[in-house]
Amino acid sequence: MARKRSFNQSLLLSALVGMLVVIVVMLTLESLLSNQSARNAMLENEMTKLDAQIKEIITLDEEIKSLKQRQAMILNLQAARNQPVYLLDELVDITPVGVVLKSIKQTDVITLTGHAQSNARISEFLHNIDMNSRYLSKPTLQESKLTTVGQGKDLRKLFEFTIKLTILDRPKER
């Protein structure tokens, strides 16, 4: 009976120690879990802050791109503001005697219309544009036709022409 009692006490003591070990392990695991949850919450909070900063950086990058585009447009406009002066100055220098310009129209290309005494004068004009012009390039004769200008004694036969060409952003080197 004393053995049985000693066995029961050992059994009870083992059960109490086992329960105590289980409780300690549970408390330790619960502590670790709460620490990890706190770390996860802190990481989520920091990620939210970083997302906000990333959005702000993206917005700033877009603003920088927009400002750079505006700056480029302003520089292009400043470079282009003197183009009409250069164009007219070039035309004075390269227009041969016997050629009269009636109109100058600028869209994507420049369209010149005028009268010439002969097709040879038109050819000379095209050659001057191609070889001697610093600001004009790619001359293309669109039309050349014989017309009459004036009345009575002033009646003359002239060649009416249309030339298309481009103006350069930067002058050609001579």
N, C-alpha and C. Protein backbone atom coordinates (compact mmCIF):
# COMPACT_ATOMS: atom_id res chain seq x y z
N MET A 1 0.80 -1.15 0.00
CA MET A 1 0.00 0.00 0.00
C MET A 1 0.88 1.26 0.00
N ALA A 2 1.99 1.22 0.71
CA ALA A 2 2.87 2.35 0.73
C ALA A 2 3.46 2.54 -0.66
N ARG A 3 3.67 1.46 -1.37
CA ARG A 3 4.17 1.58 -2.73
C ARG A 3 3.13 2.19 -3.64
N LYS A 4 1.92 1.77 -3.42
CA LYS A 4 0.84 2.29 -4.24
C LYS A 4 0.68 3.78 -3.99
N ARG A 5 0.78 4.15 -2.76
CA ARG A 5 0.64 5.54 -2.38
C ARG A 5 1.79 6.35 -2.96
N SER A 6 3.00 5.83 -2.87
CA SER A 6 4.17 6.50 -3.39
C SER A 6 4.05 6.63 -4.91
N PHE A 7 3.53 5.55 -5.53
CA PHE A 7 3.32 5.59 -6.98
C PHE A 7 2.30 6.67 -7.34
N ASN A 8 1.22 6.75 -6.60
CA ASN A 8 0.16 7.75 -6.87
C ASN A 8 0.71 9.16 -6.65
N GLN A 9 1.52 9.34 -5.63
CA GLN A 9 2.10 10.66 -5.37
C GLN A 9 3.05 11.03 -6.53
N SER A 10 3.85 10.05 -6.97
CA SER A 10 4.76 10.31 -8.08
C SER A 10 3.97 10.64 -9.35
N LEU A 11 2.89 9.89 -9.52
CA LEU A 11 2.03 10.15 -10.68
C LEU A 11 1.42 11.53 -10.61
N LEU A 12 0.94 11.92 -9.46
CA LEU A 12 0.33 13.24 -9.27
C LEU A 12 1.39 14.33 -9.45
N LEU A 13 2.58 14.09 -8.90
CA LEU A 13 3.65 15.06 -9.02
C LEU A 13 4.08 15.19 -10.49
N SER A 14 4.14 14.06 -11.21
CA SER A 14 4.50 14.10 -12.63
C SER A 14 3.44 14.85 -13.43
N ALA A 15 2.17 14.65 -13.09
CA ALA A 15 1.08 15.35 -13.79
C ALA A 15 1.17 16.84 -13.52
N LEU A 16 1.47 17.22 -12.26
CA LEU A 16 1.60 18.64 -11.92
C LEU A 16 2.79 19.26 -12.65
N VAL A 17 3.92 18.55 -12.68
CA VAL A 17 5.09 19.07 -13.38
C VAL A 17 4.80 19.17 -14.88
N GLY A 18 4.12 18.17 -15.44
CA GLY A 18 3.75 18.19 -16.86
C GLY A 18 2.84 19.37 -17.17
N MET A 19 1.86 19.60 -16.29
CA MET A 19 0.94 20.73 -16.49
C MET A 19 1.69 22.05 -16.37
N LEU A 20 2.61 22.11 -15.42
CA LEU A 20 3.40 23.31 -15.23
C LEU A 20 4.27 23.57 -16.47
N VAL A 21 4.88 22.51 -17.03
CA VAL A 21 5.68 22.66 -18.25
C VAL A 21 4.81 23.12 -19.40
N VAL A 22 3.60 22.54 -19.53
CA VAL A 22 2.68 22.94 -20.61
C VAL A 22 2.29 24.40 -20.44
N ILE A 23 2.00 24.83 -19.21
CA ILE A 23 1.59 26.23 -18.96
C ILE A 23 2.75 27.17 -19.30
N VAL A 24 3.97 26.81 -18.90
CA VAL A 24 5.14 27.66 -19.19
C VAL A 24 5.36 27.75 -20.70
N VAL A 25 5.24 26.61 -21.39
CA VAL A 25 5.42 26.61 -22.85
C VAL A 25 4.33 27.46 -23.51
N MET A 26 3.09 27.33 -23.04
CA MET A 26 1.99 28.13 -23.61
C MET A 26 2.21 29.62 -23.39
N LEU A 27 2.64 30.01 -22.18
CA LEU A 27 2.89 31.41 -21.89
C LEU A 27 4.05 31.95 -22.73
N THR A 28 5.09 31.12 -22.90
CA THR A 28 6.23 31.54 -23.72
C THR A 28 5.80 31.73 -25.17
N LEU A 29 5.06 30.77 -25.69
CA LEU A 29 4.59 30.87 -27.08
C LEU A 29 3.65 32.07 -27.26
N GLU A 30 2.80 32.29 -26.26
CA GLU A 30 1.88 33.44 -26.35
C GLU A 30 2.65 34.75 -26.32
N SER A 31 3.71 34.82 -25.51
CA SER A 31 4.55 36.02 -25.45
C SER A 31 5.25 36.24 -26.79
N LEU A 32 5.80 35.16 -27.36
CA LEU A 32 6.46 35.27 -28.66
C LEU A 32 5.47 35.70 -29.74
N LEU A 33 4.26 35.16 -29.70
CA LEU A 33 3.24 35.50 -30.68
C LEU A 33 2.84 36.97 -30.56
N SER A 34 2.68 37.46 -29.32
CA SER A 34 2.30 38.87 -29.15
C SER A 34 3.44 39.80 -29.59
N ASN A 35 4.70 39.39 -29.32
CA ASN A 35 5.84 40.18 -29.79
C ASN A 35 5.87 40.24 -31.32
N GLN A 36 5.65 39.08 -31.96
CA GLN A 36 5.64 39.04 -33.43
C GLN A 36 4.49 39.87 -34.00
N SER A 37 3.34 39.82 -33.35
CA SER A 37 2.19 40.63 -33.80
C SER A 37 2.51 42.12 -33.68
N ALA A 38 3.19 42.49 -32.60
CA ALA A 38 3.57 43.90 -32.43
C ALA A 38 4.55 44.32 -33.53
N ARG A 39 5.52 43.42 -33.84
CA ARG A 39 6.47 43.72 -34.91
C ARG A 39 5.75 43.84 -36.26
N ASN A 40 4.81 42.93 -36.52
CA ASN A 40 4.04 42.98 -37.77
C ASN A 40 3.26 44.28 -37.88
N ALA A 41 2.66 44.71 -36.77
CA ALA A 41 1.89 45.96 -36.78
C ALA A 41 2.81 47.14 -37.05
N MET A 42 4.02 47.12 -36.44
CA MET A 42 4.96 48.19 -36.67
C MET A 42 5.41 48.19 -38.13
N LEU A 43 5.68 47.00 -38.70
CA LEU A 43 6.07 46.91 -40.10
C LEU A 43 4.96 47.40 -41.03
N GLU A 44 3.73 47.05 -40.74
CA GLU A 44 2.59 47.53 -41.54
C GLU A 44 2.51 49.05 -41.49
N ASN A 45 2.72 49.61 -40.30
CA ASN A 45 2.69 51.06 -40.14
C ASN A 45 3.81 51.72 -40.96
N GLU A 46 5.00 51.17 -40.89
CA GLU A 46 6.13 51.71 -41.65
C GLU A 46 5.91 51.55 -43.16
N MET A 47 5.32 50.42 -43.56
CA MET A 47 5.03 50.22 -44.99
C MET A 47 4.02 51.24 -45.48
N THR A 48 3.05 51.57 -44.66
CA THR A 48 2.06 52.59 -45.02
C THR A 48 2.75 53.94 -45.20
N LYS A 49 3.68 54.26 -44.29
CA LYS A 49 4.42 55.52 -44.41
C LYS A 49 5.27 55.52 -45.68
N LEU A 50 5.93 54.40 -45.97
CA LEU A 50 6.76 54.31 -47.17
C LEU A 50 5.92 54.41 -48.44
N ASP A 51 4.72 53.80 -48.44
CA ASP A 51 3.83 53.92 -49.59
C ASP A 51 3.46 55.38 -49.85
N ALA A 52 3.19 56.11 -48.76
CA ALA A 52 2.87 57.53 -48.90
C ALA A 52 4.06 58.29 -49.47
N GLN A 53 5.27 57.97 -49.00
CA GLN A 53 6.46 58.63 -49.51
C GLN A 53 6.71 58.28 -50.97
N ILE A 54 6.46 57.04 -51.35
CA ILE A 54 6.63 56.62 -52.75
C ILE A 54 5.66 57.38 -53.64
N LYS A 55 4.41 57.53 -53.19
CA LYS A 55 3.43 58.30 -53.97
C LYS A 55 3.88 59.74 -54.13
N GLU A 56 4.44 60.31 -53.07
CA GLU A 56 4.92 61.69 -53.13
C GLU A 56 6.11 61.80 -54.09
N ILE A 57 6.99 60.81 -54.07
CA ILE A 57 8.14 60.81 -54.99
C ILE A 57 7.67 60.70 -56.43
N ILE A 58 6.69 59.83 -56.69
CA ILE A 58 6.14 59.69 -58.04
C ILE A 58 5.53 61.01 -58.50
N THR A 59 4.80 61.67 -57.61
CA THR A 59 4.20 62.96 -57.94
C THR A 59 5.28 63.99 -58.26
N LEU A 60 6.35 63.99 -57.45
CA LEU A 60 7.44 64.92 -57.70
C LEU A 60 8.15 64.62 -59.02
N ASP A 61 8.33 63.32 -59.32
CA ASP A 61 8.93 62.95 -60.61
C ASP A 61 8.09 63.45 -61.77
N GLU A 62 6.77 63.30 -61.66
CA GLU A 62 5.88 63.77 -62.73
C GLU A 62 5.97 65.29 -62.87
N GLU A 63 6.05 65.99 -61.73
CA GLU A 63 6.18 67.44 -61.79
C GLU A 63 7.51 67.84 -62.43
N ILE A 64 8.57 67.11 -62.11
CA ILE A 64 9.89 67.40 -62.69
C ILE A 64 9.84 67.19 -64.20
N LYS A 65 9.22 66.07 -64.65
CA LYS A 65 9.10 65.82 -66.08
C LYS A 65 8.31 66.93 -66.76
N SER A 66 7.23 67.34 -66.12
CA SER A 66 6.40 68.41 -66.68
C SER A 66 7.20 69.71 -66.79
N LEU A 67 7.95 70.03 -65.75
CA LEU A 67 8.76 71.26 -65.78
C LEU A 67 9.86 71.18 -66.84
N LYS A 68 10.45 70.00 -67.00
CA LYS A 68 11.47 69.84 -68.05
C LYS A 68 10.87 70.01 -69.43
N GLN A 69 9.65 69.49 -69.63
CA GLN A 69 8.98 69.66 -70.92
C GLN A 69 8.69 71.14 -71.17
N ARG A 70 8.22 71.84 -70.14
CA ARG A 70 7.95 73.27 -70.29
C ARG A 70 9.24 74.03 -70.62
N GLN A 71 10.31 73.66 -69.92
CA GLN A 71 11.59 74.31 -70.17
C GLN A 71 12.04 74.09 -71.61
N ALA A 72 11.89 72.86 -72.09
CA ALA A 72 12.28 72.55 -73.47
C ALA A 72 11.43 73.35 -74.46
N MET A 73 10.13 73.46 -74.17
CA MET A 73 9.25 74.22 -75.05
C MET A 73 9.66 75.70 -75.07
N ILE A 74 9.99 76.24 -73.92
CA ILE A 74 10.40 77.64 -73.83
C ILE A 74 11.69 77.86 -74.60
N LEU A 75 12.64 76.93 -74.45
CA LEU A 75 13.90 77.06 -75.19
C LEU A 75 13.66 76.98 -76.70
N ASN A 76 12.76 76.09 -77.12
CA ASN A 76 12.43 75.99 -78.55
C ASN A 76 11.78 77.27 -79.05
N LEU A 77 10.89 77.83 -78.23
CA LEU A 77 10.23 79.08 -78.63
C LEU A 77 11.25 80.22 -78.72
N GLN A 78 12.17 80.26 -77.77
CA GLN A 78 13.19 81.30 -77.82
C GLN A 78 14.08 81.14 -79.05
N ALA A 79 14.40 79.90 -79.37
CA ALA A 79 15.23 79.67 -80.57
C ALA A 79 14.46 80.02 -81.83
N ALA A 80 13.16 79.77 -81.82
CA ALA A 80 12.34 79.99 -83.02
C ALA A 80 11.88 81.44 -83.20
N ARG A 81 12.02 82.25 -82.19
CA ARG A 81 11.48 83.61 -82.31
C ARG A 81 12.22 84.45 -83.34
N ASN A 82 13.47 84.12 -83.61
CA ASN A 82 14.25 84.88 -84.59
C ASN A 82 14.17 84.27 -85.99
N GLN A 83 13.48 83.16 -86.13
CA GLN A 83 13.41 82.50 -87.43
C GLN A 83 12.87 83.39 -88.54
N PRO A 84 11.79 84.14 -88.32
CA PRO A 84 11.30 85.00 -89.41
C PRO A 84 12.34 86.02 -89.88
N VAL A 85 13.11 86.55 -88.93
CA VAL A 85 14.15 87.52 -89.30
C VAL A 85 15.21 86.83 -90.15
N TYR A 86 15.66 85.65 -89.70
CA TYR A 86 16.67 84.90 -90.46
C TYR A 86 16.13 84.53 -91.85
N LEU A 87 14.86 84.11 -91.88
CA LEU A 87 14.26 83.73 -93.15
C LEU A 87 14.26 84.89 -94.14
N LEU A 88 13.79 86.04 -93.71
CA LEU A 88 13.73 87.20 -94.60
C LEU A 88 15.14 87.66 -95.00
N ASP A 89 16.06 87.64 -94.07
CA ASP A 89 17.43 88.02 -94.38
C ASP A 89 18.04 87.08 -95.42
N GLU A 90 17.81 85.78 -95.24
CA GLU A 90 18.30 84.79 -96.21
C GLU A 90 17.69 85.01 -97.58
N LEU A 91 16.39 85.26 -97.62
CA LEU A 91 15.71 85.42 -98.90
C LEU A 91 16.24 86.63 -99.67
N VAL A 92 16.57 87.69 -98.95
CA VAL A 92 17.14 88.87 -99.61
C VAL A 92 18.47 88.51 -100.26
N ASP A 93 19.28 87.73 -99.57
CA ASP A 93 20.61 87.39 -100.07
C ASP A 93 20.58 86.38 -101.22
N ILE A 94 19.63 85.45 -101.22
CA ILE A 94 19.69 84.35 -102.20
C ILE A 94 18.70 84.50 -103.35
N THR A 95 17.82 85.48 -103.30
CA THR A 95 16.87 85.66 -104.40
C THR A 95 17.59 86.34 -105.57
N PRO A 96 17.64 85.67 -106.73
CA PRO A 96 18.36 86.26 -107.86
C PRO A 96 17.56 87.39 -108.52
N VAL A 97 18.25 88.18 -109.30
CA VAL A 97 17.60 89.24 -110.08
C VAL A 97 16.65 88.56 -111.07
N GLY A 98 15.46 89.12 -111.23
CA GLY A 98 14.48 88.54 -112.14
C GLY A 98 13.49 87.64 -111.43
N VAL A 99 13.59 87.52 -110.12
CA VAL A 99 12.65 86.72 -109.33
C VAL A 99 12.00 87.66 -108.32
N VAL A 100 10.66 87.63 -108.29
CA VAL A 100 9.90 88.45 -107.34
C VAL A 100 9.05 87.50 -106.51
N LEU A 101 9.15 87.64 -105.20
CA LEU A 101 8.33 86.80 -104.30
C LEU A 101 7.01 87.51 -104.02
N LYS A 102 5.91 86.78 -104.17
CA LYS A 102 4.58 87.33 -103.90
C LYS A 102 4.14 87.03 -102.47
N SER A 103 4.42 85.81 -102.00
CA SER A 103 3.97 85.46 -100.65
C SER A 103 4.90 84.44 -100.02
N ILE A 104 4.93 84.51 -98.70
CA ILE A 104 5.68 83.56 -97.88
C ILE A 104 4.71 83.05 -96.83
N LYS A 105 4.56 81.74 -96.78
CA LYS A 105 3.62 81.15 -95.82
C LYS A 105 4.35 80.07 -95.05
N GLN A 106 4.25 80.12 -93.71
CA GLN A 106 4.95 79.13 -92.89
C GLN A 106 3.94 78.31 -92.11
N THR A 107 3.98 77.01 -92.34
CA THR A 107 3.24 76.05 -91.51
C THR A 107 4.31 75.09 -91.01
N ASP A 108 4.16 73.80 -91.30
CA ASP A 108 5.25 72.86 -91.00
C ASP A 108 6.42 73.10 -91.95
N VAL A 109 6.10 73.53 -93.15
CA VAL A 109 7.11 73.89 -94.15
C VAL A 109 6.84 75.32 -94.59
N ILE A 110 7.79 75.88 -95.29
CA ILE A 110 7.63 77.24 -95.81
C ILE A 110 7.26 77.14 -97.28
N THR A 111 6.23 77.88 -97.67
CA THR A 111 5.78 77.89 -99.05
C THR A 111 6.03 79.29 -99.61
N LEU A 112 6.84 79.34 -100.66
CA LEU A 112 7.13 80.60 -101.35
C LEU A 112 6.39 80.59 -102.68
N THR A 113 5.73 81.69 -102.99
CA THR A 113 5.13 81.84 -104.32
C THR A 113 5.67 83.15 -104.90
N GLY A 114 5.80 83.15 -106.21
CA GLY A 114 6.31 84.36 -106.84
C GLY A 114 6.34 84.24 -108.34
N HIS A 115 6.97 85.24 -108.97
CA HIS A 115 7.12 85.29 -110.43
C HIS A 115 8.60 85.35 -110.77
N ALA A 116 8.93 84.76 -111.92
CA ALA A 116 10.30 84.80 -112.41
C ALA A 116 10.28 85.08 -113.90
N GLN A 117 11.34 85.69 -114.40
CA GLN A 117 11.42 85.99 -115.82
C GLN A 117 11.56 84.72 -116.65
N SER A 118 12.17 83.68 -116.08
CA SER A 118 12.35 82.44 -116.83
C SER A 118 12.49 81.27 -115.86
N ASN A 119 12.39 80.08 -116.41
CA ASN A 119 12.60 78.89 -115.59
C ASN A 119 14.05 78.82 -115.12
N ALA A 120 14.96 79.41 -115.86
CA ALA A 120 16.37 79.42 -115.46
C ALA A 120 16.54 80.21 -114.17
N ARG A 121 15.77 81.30 -114.02
CA ARG A 121 15.83 82.10 -112.78
C ARG A 121 15.30 81.29 -111.60
N ILE A 122 14.24 80.52 -111.85
CA ILE A 122 13.69 79.66 -110.79
C ILE A 122 14.72 78.61 -110.41
N SER A 123 15.37 78.04 -111.39
CA SER A 123 16.41 77.03 -111.15
C SER A 123 17.56 77.63 -110.35
N GLU A 124 17.95 78.85 -110.69
CA GLU A 124 19.03 79.53 -109.97
C GLU A 124 18.61 79.79 -108.52
N PHE A 125 17.36 80.17 -108.34
CA PHE A 125 16.83 80.41 -106.99
C PHE A 125 16.89 79.12 -106.15
N LEU A 126 16.45 78.00 -106.73
CA LEU A 126 16.49 76.71 -106.03
C LEU A 126 17.94 76.34 -105.69
N HIS A 127 18.84 76.57 -106.64
CA HIS A 127 20.25 76.27 -106.41
C HIS A 127 20.80 77.14 -105.27
N ASN A 128 20.46 78.42 -105.25
CA ASN A 128 20.92 79.32 -104.19
C ASN A 128 20.40 78.87 -102.82
N ILE A 129 19.14 78.44 -102.78
CA ILE A 129 18.59 77.96 -101.51
C ILE A 129 19.36 76.74 -101.04
N ASP A 130 19.59 75.83 -101.97
CA ASP A 130 20.24 74.56 -101.60
C ASP A 130 21.71 74.76 -101.21
N MET A 131 22.43 75.60 -101.93
CA MET A 131 23.87 75.71 -101.71
C MET A 131 24.29 76.88 -100.82
N ASN A 132 23.60 78.00 -100.87
CA ASN A 132 24.08 79.21 -100.21
C ASN A 132 23.30 79.60 -98.95
N SER A 133 22.23 78.91 -98.67
CA SER A 133 21.42 79.30 -97.52
C SER A 133 21.90 78.58 -96.26
N ARG A 134 21.99 79.33 -95.17
CA ARG A 134 22.37 78.74 -93.89
C ARG A 134 21.16 78.25 -93.11
N TYR A 135 20.00 78.83 -93.35
CA TYR A 135 18.81 78.52 -92.55
C TYR A 135 17.74 77.76 -93.31
N LEU A 136 17.83 77.69 -94.62
CA LEU A 136 16.82 77.04 -95.44
C LEU A 136 17.37 75.76 -96.04
N SER A 137 16.51 74.76 -96.17
CA SER A 137 16.97 73.50 -96.77
C SER A 137 15.82 72.79 -97.46
N LYS A 138 16.16 71.79 -98.22
CA LYS A 138 15.23 70.90 -98.93
C LYS A 138 14.25 71.68 -99.82
N PRO A 139 14.73 72.52 -100.72
CA PRO A 139 13.80 73.22 -101.62
C PRO A 139 13.20 72.25 -102.63
N THR A 140 11.89 72.37 -102.80
CA THR A 140 11.18 71.52 -103.76
C THR A 140 10.27 72.41 -104.59
N LEU A 141 10.46 72.37 -105.89
CA LEU A 141 9.60 73.14 -106.79
C LEU A 141 8.27 72.40 -106.92
N GLN A 142 7.20 73.02 -106.47
CA GLN A 142 5.88 72.40 -106.52
C GLN A 142 5.18 72.66 -107.85
N GLU A 143 5.39 73.89 -108.36
CA GLU A 143 4.68 74.25 -109.59
C GLU A 143 5.41 75.40 -110.28
N SER A 144 5.40 75.36 -111.59
CA SER A 144 5.93 76.45 -112.40
C SER A 144 5.07 76.51 -113.65
N LYS A 145 4.43 77.66 -113.85
CA LYS A 145 3.57 77.77 -115.03
C LYS A 145 3.70 79.18 -115.62
N LEU A 146 3.50 79.25 -116.91
CA LEU A 146 3.60 80.51 -117.64
C LEU A 146 2.29 81.27 -117.46
N THR A 147 2.40 82.55 -117.04
CA THR A 147 1.22 83.39 -116.87
C THR A 147 1.50 84.76 -117.46
N THR A 148 0.44 85.52 -117.63
CA THR A 148 0.58 86.90 -118.10
C THR A 148 0.23 87.82 -116.95
N VAL A 149 1.01 88.88 -116.83
CA VAL A 149 0.82 89.84 -115.74
C VAL A 149 0.74 91.22 -116.36
N GLY A 150 -0.19 92.04 -115.85
CA GLY A 150 -0.32 93.42 -116.32
C GLY A 150 -1.33 93.54 -117.44
N GLN A 151 -1.45 94.81 -117.98
CA GLN A 151 -2.40 95.09 -119.07
C GLN A 151 -1.75 96.03 -120.08
N GLY A 152 -2.24 95.95 -121.27
CA GLY A 152 -1.79 96.87 -122.32
C GLY A 152 -0.29 96.79 -122.56
N LYS A 153 0.37 97.98 -122.48
CA LYS A 153 1.82 98.03 -122.70
C LYS A 153 2.58 97.27 -121.62
N ASP A 154 2.02 97.19 -120.44
CA ASP A 154 2.70 96.53 -119.30
C ASP A 154 2.47 95.02 -119.29
N LEU A 155 1.83 94.48 -120.30
CA LEU A 155 1.57 93.05 -120.35
C LEU A 155 2.88 92.28 -120.53
N ARG A 156 3.15 91.36 -119.56
CA ARG A 156 4.38 90.57 -119.62
C ARG A 156 4.06 89.11 -119.35
N LYS A 157 4.85 88.26 -119.97
CA LYS A 157 4.73 86.83 -119.71
C LYS A 157 5.79 86.45 -118.69
N LEU A 158 5.34 85.90 -117.56
CA LEU A 158 6.24 85.49 -116.48
C LEU A 158 5.91 84.06 -116.05
N PHE A 159 6.85 83.45 -115.38
CA PHE A 159 6.63 82.12 -114.83
C PHE A 159 6.23 82.26 -113.37
N GLU A 160 5.06 81.76 -113.07
CA GLU A 160 4.59 81.76 -111.68
C GLU A 160 5.05 80.44 -111.05
N PHE A 161 5.60 80.51 -109.83
CA PHE A 161 6.14 79.29 -109.21
C PHE A 161 5.71 79.18 -107.76
N THR A 162 5.79 77.96 -107.27
CA THR A 162 5.56 77.65 -105.86
C THR A 162 6.69 76.73 -105.42
N ILE A 163 7.36 77.13 -104.35
CA ILE A 163 8.47 76.34 -103.80
C ILE A 163 8.17 76.04 -102.34
N LYS A 164 8.41 74.79 -101.96
CA LYS A 164 8.28 74.41 -100.55
C LYS A 164 9.68 74.10 -100.02
N LEU A 165 9.95 74.54 -98.79
CA LEU A 165 11.24 74.27 -98.16
C LEU A 165 11.09 74.28 -96.65
N THR A 166 12.13 73.88 -95.98
CA THR A 166 12.10 73.86 -94.51
C THR A 166 13.12 74.85 -93.98
N ILE A 167 12.84 75.35 -92.79
CA ILE A 167 13.78 76.24 -92.11
C ILE A 167 14.45 75.44 -91.01
N LEU A 168 15.74 75.60 -90.89
CA LEU A 168 16.52 74.84 -89.91
C LEU A 168 16.49 75.52 -88.55
N ASP A 169 16.54 74.70 -87.50
CA ASP A 169 16.60 75.25 -86.15
C ASP A 169 17.94 75.91 -85.88
N ARG A 170 18.98 75.29 -86.43
CA ARG A 170 20.33 75.83 -86.26
C ARG A 170 20.93 76.05 -87.64
N PRO A 171 21.69 77.10 -87.80
CA PRO A 171 22.25 77.37 -89.13
C PRO A 171 23.28 76.32 -89.54
N LYS A 172 23.34 76.09 -90.85
CA LYS A 172 24.36 75.18 -91.40
C LYS A 172 25.71 75.86 -91.32
N GLU A 173 26.74 75.05 -91.18
CA GLU A 173 28.11 75.59 -91.22
C GLU A 173 28.49 75.87 -92.67
N ARG A 174 29.18 76.92 -92.91
CA ARG A 174 29.61 77.26 -94.28
C ARG A 174 31.03 76.89 -94.48
